[in-house]
Amino acid sequence: MDFEVRADRRTQGRRKLVRERAAYVELIRQGYSSREACRIVGINLRTGKKWRNGHHAPGAGLKPRPGQPLAARQH
């Protein structure tokens, strides 16, 4: 695997970490733990968890409002 952690470690803003994500997924497929793959790629553990488990925007209708019956919850 010929992936290198980027030299500029400052915040990248809204730039997508496409190469990093591909490298992370490849390391997971090779049998590395999530923690080790995150360390190698240079991402936060929370980012690795989001990539591994999928990510949704917080508050996207997943919690019922107070007083709202569970059957009325919208997904």
PDB file of N, CA and C in Angstrom:
ATOM      1  N   MET A   1       0.848  -1.169   0.000  1.00  0.00           N
ATOM      2  CA  MET A   1       0.000   0.000   0.000  1.00  0.00           C
ATOM      3  C   MET A   1       0.894   1.233   0.000  1.00  0.00           C
ATOM      4  N   ASP A   2       0.642   2.148  -0.901  1.00  0.00           N
ATOM      5  CA  ASP A   2       1.522   3.304  -1.064  1.00  0.00           C
ATOM      6  C   ASP A   2       0.869   4.603  -0.592  1.00  0.00           C
ATOM      7  N   PHE A   3       0.106   4.552   0.479  1.00  0.00           N
ATOM      8  CA  PHE A   3      -0.555   5.734   1.014  1.00  0.00           C
ATOM      9  C   PHE A   3       0.379   6.453   1.975  1.00  0.00           C
ATOM     10  N   GLU A   4       0.419   7.776   1.883  1.00  0.00           N
ATOM     11  CA  GLU A   4       1.195   8.583   2.820  1.00  0.00           C
ATOM     12  C   GLU A   4       0.283   9.583   3.495  1.00  0.00           C
ATOM     13  N   VAL A   5       0.466   9.767   4.780  1.00  0.00           N
ATOM     14  CA  VAL A   5      -0.279  10.783   5.505  1.00  0.00           C
ATOM     15  C   VAL A   5       0.126  12.139   4.936  1.00  0.00           C
ATOM     16  N   ARG A   6      -0.863  12.983   4.677  1.00  0.00           N
ATOM     17  CA  ARG A   6      -0.567  14.284   4.067  1.00  0.00           C
ATOM     18  C   ARG A   6       0.350  15.099   4.973  1.00  0.00           C
ATOM     19  N   ALA A   7       1.244  15.850   4.368  1.00  0.00           N
ATOM     20  CA  ALA A   7       2.207  16.641   5.120  1.00  0.00           C
ATOM     21  C   ALA A   7       1.538  17.805   5.841  1.00  0.00           C
ATOM     22  N   ASP A   8       0.541  18.397   5.223  1.00  0.00           N
ATOM     23  CA  ASP A   8      -0.175  19.525   5.813  1.00  0.00           C
ATOM     24  C   ASP A   8      -1.248  18.983   6.743  1.00  0.00           C
ATOM     25  N   ARG A   9      -0.989  18.962   8.048  1.00  0.00           N
ATOM     26  CA  ARG A   9      -1.906  18.372   9.016  1.00  0.00           C
ATOM     27  C   ARG A   9      -2.916  19.378   9.558  1.00  0.00           C
ATOM     28  N   ARG A  10      -2.902  20.606   9.024  1.00  0.00           N
ATOM     29  CA  ARG A  10      -3.884  21.589   9.484  1.00  0.00           C
ATOM     30  C   ARG A  10      -5.290  21.197   9.026  1.00  0.00           C
ATOM     31  N   THR A  11      -6.289  21.825   9.589  1.00  0.00           N
ATOM     32  CA  THR A  11      -7.663  21.578   9.219  1.00  0.00           C
ATOM     33  C   THR A  11      -7.840  21.813   7.727  1.00  0.00           C
ATOM     34  N   GLN A  12      -8.520  20.904   7.083  1.00  0.00           N
ATOM     35  CA  GLN A  12      -8.694  20.972   5.637  1.00  0.00           C
ATOM     36  C   GLN A  12     -10.010  21.623   5.227  1.00  0.00           C
ATOM     37  N   GLY A  13     -10.801  22.064   6.197  1.00  0.00           N
ATOM     38  CA  GLY A  13     -12.088  22.688   5.868  1.00  0.00           C
ATOM     39  C   GLY A  13     -13.059  21.644   5.352  1.00  0.00           C
ATOM     40  N   ARG A  14     -13.773  21.994   4.315  1.00  0.00           N
ATOM     41  CA  ARG A  14     -14.792  21.097   3.785  1.00  0.00           C
ATOM     42  C   ARG A  14     -14.242  20.120   2.751  1.00  0.00           C
ATOM     43  N   ARG A  15     -12.946  20.102   2.568  1.00  0.00           N
ATOM     44  CA  ARG A  15     -12.346  19.188   1.600  1.00  0.00           C
ATOM     45  C   ARG A  15     -12.636  17.748   2.006  1.00  0.00           C
ATOM     46  N   LYS A  16     -13.108  16.971   1.077  1.00  0.00           N
ATOM     47  CA  LYS A  16     -13.414  15.574   1.352  1.00  0.00           C
ATOM     48  C   LYS A  16     -12.130  14.757   1.429  1.00  0.00           C
ATOM     49  N   LEU A  17     -12.083  13.858   2.381  1.00  0.00           N
ATOM     50  CA  LEU A  17     -10.904  13.023   2.596  1.00  0.00           C
ATOM     51  C   LEU A  17     -11.051  11.720   1.797  1.00  0.00           C
ATOM     52  N   VAL A  18     -11.155  11.844   0.486  1.00  0.00           N
ATOM     53  CA  VAL A  18     -11.421  10.701  -0.376  1.00  0.00           C
ATOM     54  C   VAL A  18     -10.282   9.688  -0.327  1.00  0.00           C
ATOM     55  N   ARG A  19      -9.044  10.153  -0.479  1.00  0.00           N
ATOM     56  CA  ARG A  19      -7.909   9.229  -0.461  1.00  0.00           C
ATOM     57  C   ARG A  19      -7.759   8.577   0.910  1.00  0.00           C
ATOM     58  N   GLU A  20      -7.952   9.371   1.960  1.00  0.00           N
ATOM     59  CA  GLU A  20      -7.833   8.849   3.313  1.00  0.00           C
ATOM     60  C   GLU A  20      -8.896   7.789   3.584  1.00  0.00           C
ATOM     61  N   ARG A  21     -10.123   8.051   3.121  1.00  0.00           N
ATOM     62  CA  ARG A  21     -11.210   7.102   3.349  1.00  0.00           C
ATOM     63  C   ARG A  21     -10.949   5.790   2.607  1.00  0.00           C
ATOM     64  N   ALA A  22     -10.478   5.884   1.374  1.00  0.00           N
ATOM     65  CA  ALA A  22     -10.169   4.681   0.603  1.00  0.00           C
ATOM     66  C   ALA A  22      -9.060   3.875   1.279  1.00  0.00           C
ATOM     67  N   ALA A  23      -8.044   4.566   1.781  1.00  0.00           N
ATOM     68  CA  ALA A  23      -6.952   3.881   2.470  1.00  0.00           C
ATOM     69  C   ALA A  23      -7.453   3.236   3.759  1.00  0.00           C
ATOM     70  N   TYR A  24      -8.317   3.919   4.495  1.00  0.00           N
ATOM     71  CA  TYR A  24      -8.882   3.383   5.737  1.00  0.00           C
ATOM     72  C   TYR A  24      -9.671   2.101   5.453  1.00  0.00           C
ATOM     73  N   VAL A  25     -10.523   2.142   4.441  1.00  0.00           N
ATOM     74  CA  VAL A  25     -11.337   0.970   4.097  1.00  0.00           C
ATOM     75  C   VAL A  25     -10.447  -0.197   3.679  1.00  0.00           C
ATOM     76  N   GLU A  26      -9.413   0.086   2.915  1.00  0.00           N
ATOM     77  CA  GLU A  26      -8.496  -0.968   2.479  1.00  0.00           C
ATOM     78  C   GLU A  26      -7.779  -1.598   3.679  1.00  0.00           C
ATOM     79  N   LEU A  27      -7.357  -0.790   4.632  1.00  0.00           N
ATOM     80  CA  LEU A  27      -6.688  -1.327   5.825  1.00  0.00           C
ATOM     81  C   LEU A  27      -7.640  -2.204   6.638  1.00  0.00           C
ATOM     82  N   ILE A  28      -8.895  -1.786   6.756  1.00  0.00           N
ATOM     83  CA  ILE A  28      -9.894  -2.587   7.476  1.00  0.00           C
ATOM     84  C   ILE A  28     -10.077  -3.930   6.765  1.00  0.00           C
ATOM     85  N   ARG A  29     -10.136  -3.905   5.445  1.00  0.00           N
ATOM     86  CA  ARG A  29     -10.282  -5.152   4.672  1.00  0.00           C
ATOM     87  C   ARG A  29      -9.082  -6.072   4.851  1.00  0.00           C
ATOM     88  N   GLN A  30      -7.916  -5.489   5.064  1.00  0.00           N
ATOM     89  CA  GLN A  30      -6.708  -6.286   5.261  1.00  0.00           C
ATOM     90  C   GLN A  30      -6.623  -6.864   6.668  1.00  0.00           C
ATOM     91  N   GLY A  31      -7.547  -6.469   7.556  1.00  0.00           N
ATOM     92  CA  GLY A  31      -7.582  -7.048   8.889  1.00  0.00           C
ATOM     93  C   GLY A  31      -7.047  -6.160   9.999  1.00  0.00           C
ATOM     94  N   TYR A  32      -6.695  -4.922   9.685  1.00  0.00           N
ATOM     95  CA  TYR A  32      -6.247  -4.005  10.726  1.00  0.00           C
ATOM     96  C   TYR A  32      -7.435  -3.608  11.591  1.00  0.00           C
ATOM     97  N   SER A  33      -7.170  -3.315  12.853  1.00  0.00           N
ATOM     98  CA  SER A  33      -8.227  -2.812  13.718  1.00  0.00           C
ATOM     99  C   SER A  33      -8.552  -1.385  13.293  1.00  0.00           C
ATOM    100  N   SER A  34      -9.714  -0.921  13.690  1.00  0.00           N
ATOM    101  CA  SER A  34     -10.117   0.436  13.346  1.00  0.00           C
ATOM    102  C   SER A  34      -9.155   1.448  13.954  1.00  0.00           C
ATOM    103  N   ARG A  35      -8.747   1.207  15.175  1.00  0.00           N
ATOM    104  CA  ARG A  35      -7.821   2.113  15.859  1.00  0.00           C
ATOM    105  C   ARG A  35      -6.492   2.216  15.106  1.00  0.00           C
ATOM    106  N   GLU A  36      -5.973   1.073  14.706  1.00  0.00           N
ATOM    107  CA  GLU A  36      -4.694   1.052  13.994  1.00  0.00           C
ATOM    108  C   GLU A  36      -4.825   1.687  12.611  1.00  0.00           C
ATOM    109  N   ALA A  37      -5.932   1.409  11.916  1.00  0.00           N
ATOM    110  CA  ALA A  37      -6.151   1.998  10.595  1.00  0.00           C
ATOM    111  C   ALA A  37      -6.261   3.521  10.703  1.00  0.00           C
ATOM    112  N   CYS A  38      -6.948   4.007  11.724  1.00  0.00           N
ATOM    113  CA  CYS A  38      -7.071   5.458  11.939  1.00  0.00           C
ATOM    114  C   CYS A  38      -5.702   6.080  12.192  1.00  0.00           C
ATOM    115  N   ARG A  39      -4.881   5.410  12.975  1.00  0.00           N
ATOM    116  CA  ARG A  39      -3.550   5.932  13.272  1.00  0.00           C
ATOM    117  C   ARG A  39      -2.697   5.989  12.013  1.00  0.00           C
ATOM    118  N   ILE A  40      -2.739   4.933  11.207  1.00  0.00           N
ATOM    119  CA  ILE A  40      -1.937   4.882   9.989  1.00  0.00           C
ATOM    120  C   ILE A  40      -2.356   5.962   9.001  1.00  0.00           C
ATOM    121  N   VAL A  41      -3.659   6.123   8.822  1.00  0.00           N
ATOM    122  CA  VAL A  41      -4.185   7.088   7.843  1.00  0.00           C
ATOM    123  C   VAL A  41      -4.081   8.516   8.376  1.00  0.00           C
ATOM    124  N   GLY A  42      -4.123   8.670   9.696  1.00  0.00           N
ATOM    125  CA  GLY A  42      -4.013  10.002  10.281  1.00  0.00           C
ATOM    126  C   GLY A  42      -5.345  10.684  10.469  1.00  0.00           C
ATOM    127  N   ILE A  43      -6.370   9.899  10.821  1.00  0.00           N
ATOM    128  CA  ILE A  43      -7.693  10.469  11.082  1.00  0.00           C
ATOM    129  C   ILE A  43      -8.081  10.200  12.526  1.00  0.00           C
ATOM    130  N   ASN A  44      -9.067  10.921  13.003  1.00  0.00           N
ATOM    131  CA  ASN A  44      -9.581  10.759  14.351  1.00  0.00           C
ATOM    132  C   ASN A  44     -10.370   9.451  14.445  1.00  0.00           C
ATOM    133  N   LEU A  45     -10.390   8.843  15.617  1.00  0.00           N
ATOM    134  CA  LEU A  45     -11.155   7.610  15.817  1.00  0.00           C
ATOM    135  C   LEU A  45     -12.635   7.807  15.526  1.00  0.00           C
ATOM    136  N   ARG A  46     -13.159   8.982  15.861  1.00  0.00           N
ATOM    137  CA  ARG A  46     -14.570   9.253  15.594  1.00  0.00           C
ATOM    138  C   ARG A  46     -14.853   9.275  14.095  1.00  0.00           C
ATOM    139  N   THR A  47     -13.920   9.804  13.326  1.00  0.00           N
ATOM    140  CA  THR A  47     -14.081   9.820  11.870  1.00  0.00           C
ATOM    141  C   THR A  47     -14.100   8.398  11.341  1.00  0.00           C
ATOM    142  N   GLY A  48     -13.202   7.557  11.823  1.00  0.00           N
ATOM    143  CA  GLY A  48     -13.180   6.156  11.418  1.00  0.00           C
ATOM    144  C   GLY A  48     -14.477   5.453  11.770  1.00  0.00           C
ATOM    145  N   LYS A  49     -15.015   5.746  12.936  1.00  0.00           N
ATOM    146  CA  LYS A  49     -16.278   5.132  13.348  1.00  0.00           C
ATOM    147  C   LYS A  49     -17.409   5.566  12.425  1.00  0.00           C
ATOM    148  N   LYS A  50     -17.445   6.848  12.079  1.00  0.00           N
ATOM    149  CA  LYS A  50     -18.478   7.341  11.166  1.00  0.00           C
ATOM    150  C   LYS A  50     -18.361   6.672   9.800  1.00  0.00           C
ATOM    151  N   TRP A  51     -17.132   6.538   9.302  1.00  0.00           N
ATOM    152  CA  TRP A  51     -16.934   5.903   8.006  1.00  0.00           C
ATOM    153  C   TRP A  51     -17.320   4.437   8.048  1.00  0.00           C
ATOM    154  N   ARG A  52     -17.048   3.779   9.150  1.00  0.00           N
ATOM    155  CA  ARG A  52     -17.335   2.350   9.283  1.00  0.00           C
ATOM    156  C   ARG A  52     -18.829   2.081   9.435  1.00  0.00           C
ATOM    157  N   ASN A  53     -19.511   2.921  10.201  1.00  0.00           N
ATOM    158  CA  ASN A  53     -20.908   2.668  10.540  1.00  0.00           C
ATOM    159  C   ASN A  53     -21.904   3.495   9.746  1.00  0.00           C
ATOM    160  N   GLY A  54     -21.432   4.377   8.889  1.00  0.00           N
ATOM    161  CA  GLY A  54     -22.338   5.279   8.191  1.00  0.00           C
ATOM    162  C   GLY A  54     -22.554   6.505   9.062  1.00  0.00           C
ATOM    163  N   HIS A  55     -23.041   7.556   8.486  1.00  0.00           N
ATOM    164  CA  HIS A  55     -23.185   8.797   9.220  1.00  0.00           C
ATOM    165  C   HIS A  55     -24.468   9.482   8.795  1.00  0.00           C
ATOM    166  N   HIS A  56     -25.207   9.991   9.746  1.00  0.00           N
ATOM    167  CA  HIS A  56     -26.394  10.781   9.442  1.00  0.00           C
ATOM    168  C   HIS A  56     -26.305  12.097  10.196  1.00  0.00           C
ATOM    169  N   ALA A  57     -27.014  13.066   9.699  1.00  0.00           N
ATOM    170  CA  ALA A  57     -27.015  14.369  10.349  1.00  0.00           C
ATOM    171  C   ALA A  57     -27.740  14.258  11.683  1.00  0.00           C
ATOM    172  N   PRO A  58     -27.208  14.850  12.742  1.00  0.00           N
ATOM    173  CA  PRO A  58     -27.884  14.775  14.030  1.00  0.00           C
ATOM    174  C   PRO A  58     -29.224  15.498  13.971  1.00  0.00           C
ATOM    175  N   GLY A  59     -30.205  14.920  14.641  1.00  0.00           N
ATOM    176  CA  GLY A  59     -31.524  15.557  14.697  1.00  0.00           C
ATOM    177  C   GLY A  59     -32.319  15.413  13.418  1.00  0.00           C
ATOM    178  N   ALA A  60     -32.035  14.402  12.627  1.00  0.00           N
ATOM    179  CA  ALA A  60     -32.731  14.224  11.354  1.00  0.00           C
ATOM    180  C   ALA A  60     -34.022  13.429  11.544  1.00  0.00           C
ATOM    181  N   GLY A  61     -34.784  13.750  12.585  1.00  0.00           N
ATOM    182  CA  GLY A  61     -36.053  13.077  12.799  1.00  0.00           C
ATOM    183  C   GLY A  61     -35.917  11.720  13.454  1.00  0.00           C
ATOM    184  N   LEU A  62     -34.798  11.428  14.087  1.00  0.00           N
ATOM    185  CA  LEU A  62     -34.601  10.119  14.676  1.00  0.00           C
ATOM    186  C   LEU A  62     -35.134  10.029  16.102  1.00  0.00           C
ATOM    187  N   LYS A  63     -35.356  11.170  16.739  1.00  0.00           N
ATOM    188  CA  LYS A  63     -35.849  11.174  18.110  1.00  0.00           C
ATOM    189  C   LYS A  63     -37.252  11.770  18.131  1.00  0.00           C
ATOM    190  N   PRO A  64     -38.174  11.161  18.900  1.00  0.00           N
ATOM    191  CA  PRO A  64     -39.503  11.765  18.998  1.00  0.00           C
ATOM    192  C   PRO A  64     -39.451  13.033  19.837  1.00  0.00           C
ATOM    193  N   ARG A  65     -40.278  13.978  19.510  1.00  0.00           N
ATOM    194  CA  ARG A  65     -40.372  15.190  20.324  1.00  0.00           C
ATOM    195  C   ARG A  65     -41.094  14.851  21.624  1.00  0.00           C
ATOM    196  N   PRO A  66     -40.859  15.609  22.674  1.00  0.00           N
ATOM    197  CA  PRO A  66     -41.542  15.341  23.933  1.00  0.00           C
ATOM    198  C   PRO A  66     -43.060  15.360  23.740  1.00  0.00           C
ATOM    199  N   GLY A  67     -43.741  14.339  24.260  1.00  0.00           N
ATOM    200  CA  GLY A  67     -45.192  14.261  24.164  1.00  0.00           C
ATOM    201  C   GLY A  67     -45.679  13.638  22.869  1.00  0.00           C
ATOM    202  N   GLN A  68     -44.808  13.310  21.963  1.00  0.00           N
ATOM    203  CA  GLN A  68     -45.205  12.704  20.697  1.00  0.00           C
ATOM    204  C   GLN A  68     -45.194  11.186  20.855  1.00  0.00           C
ATOM    205  N   PRO A  69     -46.284  10.493  20.496  1.00  0.00           N
ATOM    206  CA  PRO A  69     -46.277   9.038  20.608  1.00  0.00           C
ATOM    207  C   PRO A  69     -45.269   8.414  19.634  1.00  0.00           C
ATOM    208  N   LEU A  70     -44.739   7.265  20.024  1.00  0.00           N
ATOM    209  CA  LEU A  70     -43.718   6.617  19.205  1.00  0.00           C
ATOM    210  C   LEU A  70     -44.249   6.252  17.823  1.00  0.00           C
ATOM    211  N   ALA A  71     -45.540   5.890  17.705  1.00  0.00           N
ATOM    212  CA  ALA A  71     -46.094   5.505  16.412  1.00  0.00           C
ATOM    213  C   ALA A  71     -46.100   6.691  15.436  1.00  0.00           C
ATOM    214  N   ALA A  72     -46.125   7.913  15.949  1.00  0.00           N
ATOM    215  CA  ALA A  72     -46.174   9.094  15.086  1.00  0.00           C
ATOM    216  C   ALA A  72     -44.792   9.539  14.641  1.00  0.00           C
ATOM    217  N   ARG A  73     -43.774   8.855  15.100  1.00  0.00           N
ATOM    218  CA  ARG A  73     -42.405   9.228  14.737  1.00  0.00           C
ATOM    219  C   ARG A  73     -42.195   9.038  13.240  1.00  0.00           C
ATOM    220  N   GLN A  74     -41.559  10.011  12.617  1.00  0.00           N
ATOM    221  CA  GLN A  74     -41.281   9.912  11.180  1.00  0.00           C
ATOM    222  C   GLN A  74     -39.828   9.582  10.988  1.00  0.00           C
ATOM    223  N   HIS A  75     -39.529   8.730  10.040  1.00  0.00           N
ATOM    224  CA  HIS A  75     -38.141   8.329   9.772  1.00  0.00           C
ATOM    225  C   HIS A  75     -37.643   9.001   8.550  1.00  0.00           C
TER     226      HIS A  75
END
